[in-house]
Protein backbone atom coordinates (compact mmCIF):
# COMPACT_ATOMS: atom_id res chain seq x y z
CA MET A 1 -42.84 20.91 -37.13
CA GLY A 2 -39.27 20.19 -36.05
CA SER A 3 -37.72 17.74 -33.66
CA ASN A 4 -35.05 18.28 -31.07
CA ALA A 5 -31.62 16.70 -31.17
CA TYR A 6 -30.54 15.17 -27.86
CA ALA A 7 -27.33 13.73 -26.47
CA HIS A 8 -27.77 11.08 -23.78
CA LEU A 9 -25.62 9.29 -21.25
CA ALA A 10 -26.89 6.10 -19.61
CA TYR A 11 -25.63 2.90 -18.04
CA GLY A 12 -26.58 -0.35 -19.73
CA TYR A 13 -26.37 -2.45 -22.88
CA HIS A 14 -26.27 -1.37 -26.51
CA LEU A 15 -28.57 -3.81 -28.32
CA GLY A 16 -28.08 -2.50 -31.84
CA SER A 17 -31.04 -2.34 -34.22
CA GLY A 18 -33.43 -4.55 -36.13
CA GLU A 19 -30.87 -4.98 -38.88
CA ASP A 20 -27.87 -5.40 -36.56
CA PHE A 21 -29.06 -6.89 -33.27
CA LYS A 22 -26.15 -6.91 -30.83
CA ALA A 23 -26.99 -10.16 -29.03
CA ALA A 24 -26.34 -13.83 -29.64
CA GLU A 25 -30.02 -14.34 -30.47
CA ARG A 26 -29.95 -13.03 -34.02
CA GLY A 27 -31.14 -14.40 -37.31
CA GLU A 28 -29.39 -14.93 -40.60
CA TYR A 29 -29.68 -11.25 -41.57
CA GLY A 30 -28.77 -9.75 -38.19
CA GLU A 31 -32.35 -9.37 -36.96
CA PRO A 32 -33.46 -10.26 -33.41
CA LYS A 33 -34.43 -13.93 -33.22
CA LEU A 34 -36.34 -14.38 -29.97
CA PRO A 35 -39.16 -16.86 -29.34
CA TRP A 36 -41.45 -14.19 -27.93
CA LEU A 37 -41.29 -11.95 -31.01
CA PRO A 38 -44.10 -12.48 -33.51
CA VAL A 39 -43.35 -13.83 -36.99
CA ASP A 40 -44.90 -12.62 -40.22
CA GLU A 41 -46.64 -14.72 -42.86
CA ASP A 42 -43.25 -15.64 -44.39
CA GLY A 43 -41.95 -16.92 -41.05
CA ASP A 44 -39.61 -13.95 -40.62
CA THR A 45 -39.29 -12.28 -37.22
CA ASP A 46 -41.40 -9.14 -36.97
CA TYR A 47 -39.42 -6.80 -34.73
CA SER A 48 -41.46 -3.67 -35.53
CA ASP A 49 -42.95 -3.72 -32.02
CA PHE A 50 -39.73 -4.77 -30.29
CA ALA A 51 -39.91 -1.99 -27.67
CA GLU A 52 -43.52 -2.78 -26.77
CA GLU A 53 -42.78 -6.51 -26.52
CA VAL A 54 -39.76 -5.86 -24.27
CA GLU A 55 -41.83 -3.65 -21.96
CA ARG A 56 -44.66 -6.20 -21.83
CA ARG A 57 -42.28 -9.03 -20.88
CA LEU A 58 -40.48 -6.95 -18.25
CA LEU A 59 -43.77 -5.82 -16.68
CA ALA A 60 -45.05 -9.40 -16.62
CA SER A 61 -41.84 -10.50 -14.87
CA VAL A 62 -42.83 -8.49 -11.79
CA GLY A 63 -46.44 -9.64 -11.86
CA PHE A 64 -47.97 -6.59 -13.53
CA THR A 65 -51.19 -7.25 -15.42
CA GLU A 66 -53.47 -4.92 -17.30
CA GLU A 67 -56.51 -6.39 -15.60
CA TRP A 68 -58.75 -3.99 -13.76
CA ALA A 69 -58.58 -4.14 -9.97
CA PRO A 70 -61.05 -2.29 -7.75
CA GLY A 71 -59.60 0.72 -5.97
CA ILE A 72 -56.19 0.47 -7.63
CA ASN A 73 -55.26 3.01 -10.28
CA PHE A 74 -53.81 1.36 -13.42
CA HIS A 75 -51.18 4.05 -13.98
CA GLU A 76 -50.04 3.95 -10.37
CA ARG A 77 -49.65 0.15 -10.52
CA GLU A 78 -47.71 0.48 -13.78
CA LYS A 79 -45.44 3.15 -12.28
CA VAL A 80 -44.68 0.95 -9.24
CA ALA A 81 -43.95 -2.04 -11.50
CA LYS A 82 -41.56 0.00 -13.68
CA GLU A 83 -39.73 1.24 -10.59
CA GLN A 84 -39.40 -2.35 -9.41
CA ILE A 85 -37.95 -3.42 -12.78
CA GLY A 86 -35.47 -0.54 -12.69
CA VAL A 87 -34.52 -0.79 -16.38
CA GLU A 88 -36.04 0.38 -19.62
CA LEU A 89 -35.53 0.06 -23.32
CA THR A 90 -34.77 3.38 -24.94
CA HIS A 91 -33.80 4.29 -28.48
CA SER A 92 -30.91 6.00 -30.18
CA GLY A 93 -31.01 7.71 -33.54
CA HIS A 94 -34.43 8.56 -34.93
CA VAL A 95 -37.66 7.03 -33.66
CA ASP A 96 -38.42 5.78 -37.21
CA TYR A 97 -35.02 4.05 -37.50
CA PRO A 98 -34.04 3.30 -33.92
CA GLY A 99 -31.18 1.59 -32.27
CA TRP A 100 -32.06 0.01 -28.92
CA LEU A 101 -30.44 0.35 -25.53
CA LEU A 102 -31.41 -1.48 -22.36
CA ILE A 103 -30.51 0.95 -19.59
CA ALA A 104 -30.78 1.38 -15.84
CA SER A 105 -33.67 3.83 -15.59
CA ALA A 106 -32.11 6.09 -12.98
CA SER A 107 -28.83 6.40 -14.87
CA GLU A 108 -29.98 8.39 -17.89
CA LYS A 109 -29.03 12.03 -18.29
CA SER A 110 -29.57 14.10 -21.41
CA VAL A 111 -29.05 17.51 -22.94
CA GLU A 112 -30.51 19.18 -25.98
CA TRP A 113 -29.31 21.76 -28.46
CA ALA A 114 -26.81 24.11 -26.78
CA GLN A 115 -26.96 22.58 -23.31
CA VAL A 116 -23.83 21.01 -21.83
CA MET A 117 -23.42 18.03 -19.53
CA THR A 118 -20.34 17.92 -17.34
CA LEU A 119 -18.95 14.43 -16.81
CA ASP A 120 -16.70 13.28 -14.01
CA PRO A 121 -15.23 9.88 -14.98
CA ALA A 122 -14.11 9.22 -11.40
CA GLU A 123 -17.66 9.79 -10.14
CA MET A 124 -19.04 7.52 -12.87
CA ILE A 125 -16.73 4.73 -11.68
CA ARG A 126 -17.72 5.31 -8.04
CA GLN A 127 -21.44 5.47 -8.84
CA SER A 128 -23.11 4.08 -5.71
CA ASN A 129 -26.06 2.59 -7.61
CA ARG A 130 -24.00 0.56 -10.07
CA GLU A 131 -24.26 -2.70 -8.15
CA LEU A 132 -28.06 -2.38 -8.03
CA TRP A 133 -28.13 -1.38 -11.70
CA ASP A 134 -26.00 -4.41 -12.62
CA THR A 135 -28.43 -6.68 -10.74
CA LYS A 136 -31.49 -5.13 -12.42
CA LEU A 137 -29.92 -5.29 -15.87
CA ALA A 138 -28.88 -8.93 -15.35
CA ALA A 139 -32.44 -9.80 -14.33
CA ALA A 140 -33.81 -8.03 -17.41
CA VAL A 141 -31.56 -9.79 -19.94
CA THR A 142 -32.42 -13.12 -18.28
CA THR A 143 -36.15 -12.33 -18.46
CA LEU A 144 -35.82 -11.34 -22.11
CA GLY A 145 -33.63 -14.33 -23.00
CA ILE A 146 -31.01 -12.03 -24.50
CA THR A 147 -27.27 -12.58 -24.45
CA PRO A 148 -25.76 -9.17 -25.30
CA VAL A 149 -22.48 -9.20 -27.20
CA GLN A 150 -21.37 -6.47 -24.82
CA HIS A 151 -19.89 -8.48 -21.93
CA SER A 152 -21.17 -6.24 -19.15
CA PRO A 153 -23.12 -3.00 -18.73
CA LYS A 154 -21.19 0.14 -19.67
CA TRP A 155 -21.69 3.87 -19.72
CA LEU A 156 -23.10 4.68 -23.16
CA VAL A 157 -23.27 8.01 -24.97
CA PHE A 158 -25.90 8.09 -27.71
CA PRO A 159 -27.83 10.58 -29.82
CA SER A 160 -31.54 10.77 -30.45
CA TYR A 161 -33.58 12.90 -32.74
CA GLY A 162 -37.32 13.05 -32.61
């Protein structure tokens, strides 16, 4: 069973990987060092569930809980919460060896195999949603307690496979 190769364009922060975290909050070996990440029995940060932990913290920041509520569909509540957050963590590279990007959800565009994406740099600069995206991304890095080494959000081109 094969996997597709994709090229993506999105607006946000490149956060590196578990071995080269691109934020001030990194350990001695380049790994993410955040108080909300679990530690293993040796006291080392366990970043294997980094994406899940990021999503959990972002959802909690807008009051989302996984508790059952009568008459309210869980998936609908989750969808509304994710729209309110307006950002997501996505991966570059392969899902087994990912790099992480924190992106404005509505900014991502992708192509696969022989498809082509036309880019207009002038339109990217004029993007009407950028101010909102900047606000949402700033709120997310504050919620996560991350200080990206990238000084501000940028347009990022990245591959993914799998």
